[in-house]
Amino acid sequence: MRYVIVIAAVTFFLIWDGLYNQGRYLDTAVRGVTHVVRSVTGES
């Protein structure tokens, strides 16, 4: 049951971010994750 709640919350956030913020928060999160992955793997 807790997984259903987590999935619903993530889905709600993605829809809200897309509708009201043009994906700004999702874009920032993806950029941050990409930066961390590049830092860990040593790619430039």
Protein backbone atom coordinates (compact mmCIF):
# COMPACT_ATOMS: atom_id res chain seq x y z
CA MET A 1 0.00 0.00 0.00
CA ARG A 2 2.82 2.42 0.80
CA TYR A 3 4.24 1.91 -2.71
CA VAL A 4 0.92 2.95 -4.21
CA ILE A 5 0.99 6.13 -2.15
CA VAL A 6 4.57 6.89 -3.23
CA ILE A 7 3.77 6.27 -6.92
CA ALA A 8 0.64 8.43 -6.68
CA ALA A 9 2.61 11.25 -5.00
CA VAL A 10 5.36 11.16 -7.64
CA THR A 11 2.79 11.09 -10.45
CA PHE A 12 0.91 14.02 -8.91
CA PHE A 13 4.16 16.00 -8.59
CA LEU A 14 5.12 15.33 -12.22
CA ILE A 15 1.68 16.39 -13.49
CA TRP A 16 1.67 19.50 -11.27
CA ASP A 17 5.20 20.45 -12.33
CA GLY A 18 4.38 19.99 -16.00
CA LEU A 19 1.14 21.95 -15.89
CA TYR A 20 2.07 24.86 -13.65
CA ASN A 21 5.87 25.16 -13.88
CA GLN A 22 6.59 23.95 -17.43
CA GLY A 23 8.71 21.15 -15.96
CA ARG A 24 11.12 23.52 -14.21
CA TYR A 25 11.62 21.40 -11.09
CA LEU A 26 11.94 18.17 -13.05
CA ASP A 27 14.48 19.80 -15.37
CA THR A 28 16.52 21.03 -12.39
CA ALA A 29 16.43 17.57 -10.81
CA VAL A 30 17.58 15.89 -14.02
CA ARG A 31 20.43 18.39 -14.40
CA GLY A 32 21.51 17.76 -10.80
CA VAL A 33 21.43 13.99 -11.16
CA THR A 34 23.34 14.20 -14.45
CA HIS A 35 25.98 16.38 -12.80
CA VAL A 36 26.40 13.93 -9.89
CA VAL A 37 26.63 10.95 -12.25
CA ARG A 38 29.27 12.71 -14.35
CA SER A 39 31.21 13.61 -11.21
CA VAL A 40 31.15 10.02 -9.95
CA THR A 41 32.03 8.42 -13.30
CA GLY A 42 34.68 11.03 -14.09
CA GLU A 43 33.23 12.04 -17.44
CA SER A 44 33.60 15.63 -18.51
